[in-house]
Amino acid sequence: MSKRFGRITINPEVCMGQATIRAMRITVAFVLKLLASGMNHEEILNAYPELEEKDIMQAIEYAAWLAEEYHRPIPAHY
């Protein structure tokens, strides 16, 4: 992972290779789901004290970075 996402780690041995926060078993997807469910940053940090505010912000930034990728459709062969 680049320096830009220094808090995001990907290791095939941890959480089946999903992006995690600082090599902990807390995935970026899990943090995003907590946010999507309506939890605010303070609630997440209270529920998961091993997380830091910067972890939440980087999870959001990482998701935005993934969302901006352009995928070309596979052309149909006739």
Protein backbone atom coordinates (compact mmCIF):
# COMPACT_ATOMS: atom_id res chain seq x y z
CA MET A 1 0.00 0.00 0.00
CA SER A 2 1.31 3.45 -0.82
CA LYS A 3 2.36 6.04 1.74
CA ARG A 4 -0.92 7.81 1.00
CA PHE A 5 -2.72 4.96 2.77
CA GLY A 6 -0.20 4.20 5.49
CA ARG A 7 -2.90 3.03 7.89
CA ILE A 8 -4.46 0.60 5.42
CA THR A 9 -2.83 -2.81 5.15
CA ILE A 10 -3.52 -5.79 2.94
CA ASN A 11 -2.14 -9.15 3.95
CA PRO A 12 -3.41 -12.45 2.49
CA GLU A 13 -2.97 -14.00 5.96
CA VAL A 14 -5.25 -11.47 7.69
CA CYS A 15 -9.02 -11.31 7.08
CA MET A 16 -8.67 -13.23 3.80
CA GLY A 17 -6.68 -10.41 2.20
CA GLN A 18 -9.25 -7.68 2.78
CA ALA A 19 -8.03 -4.16 3.44
CA THR A 20 -7.64 -3.72 7.19
CA ILE A 21 -6.79 -0.89 9.55
CA ARG A 22 -3.14 -1.04 10.67
CA ALA A 23 -2.96 -4.85 10.30
CA MET A 24 -5.65 -5.29 12.94
CA ARG A 25 -8.55 -7.58 12.23
CA ILE A 26 -10.80 -4.59 11.64
CA THR A 27 -11.54 -4.22 7.95
CA VAL A 28 -12.04 -0.99 6.06
CA ALA A 29 -15.39 -2.41 4.94
CA PHE A 30 -16.46 -2.92 8.57
CA VAL A 31 -15.62 0.68 9.48
CA LEU A 32 -17.55 1.91 6.45
CA LYS A 33 -20.54 -0.24 7.39
CA LEU A 34 -20.52 1.24 10.89
CA LEU A 35 -20.60 4.72 9.37
CA ALA A 36 -23.33 3.73 6.91
CA SER A 37 -25.43 2.34 9.77
CA GLY A 38 -25.48 5.80 11.31
CA MET A 39 -22.73 5.58 13.91
CA ASN A 40 -20.67 8.74 14.21
CA HIS A 41 -16.92 8.83 14.69
CA GLU A 42 -17.14 9.22 18.46
CA GLU A 43 -19.46 6.22 18.79
CA ILE A 44 -17.13 4.07 16.68
CA LEU A 45 -14.09 5.13 18.69
CA ASN A 46 -15.90 4.35 21.95
CA ALA A 47 -16.99 0.93 20.69
CA TYR A 48 -13.55 0.12 19.23
CA PRO A 49 -10.95 1.95 21.37
CA GLU A 50 -8.09 0.44 19.37
CA LEU A 51 -9.15 2.65 16.46
CA GLU A 52 -8.10 6.28 16.07
CA GLU A 53 -9.82 9.15 14.31
CA LYS A 54 -7.16 9.01 11.58
CA ASP A 55 -8.10 5.37 10.92
CA ILE A 56 -11.72 6.29 10.22
CA MET A 57 -10.73 9.18 7.98
CA GLN A 58 -8.30 7.02 6.02
CA ALA A 59 -10.94 4.30 5.57
CA ILE A 60 -13.24 6.92 4.02
CA GLU A 61 -10.42 8.26 1.83
CA TYR A 62 -9.52 4.73 0.70
CA ALA A 63 -13.14 4.00 -0.23
CA ALA A 64 -13.32 7.24 -2.22
CA TRP A 65 -10.08 6.33 -3.99
CA LEU A 66 -11.49 2.92 -4.94
CA ALA A 67 -14.76 4.46 -6.12
CA GLU A 68 -12.99 6.78 -8.56
CA GLU A 69 -11.37 3.93 -10.45
CA TYR A 70 -12.66 3.53 -13.99
CA HIS A 71 -13.56 0.04 -15.10
CA ARG A 72 -13.99 -0.73 -18.76
CA PRO A 73 -16.61 -3.30 -19.65
CA ILE A 74 -15.44 -6.50 -21.26
CA PRO A 75 -16.39 -6.35 -24.94
CA ALA A 76 -18.86 -8.97 -26.13
CA HIS A 77 -17.56 -11.34 -28.77
CA TYR A 78 -20.02 -12.20 -31.52
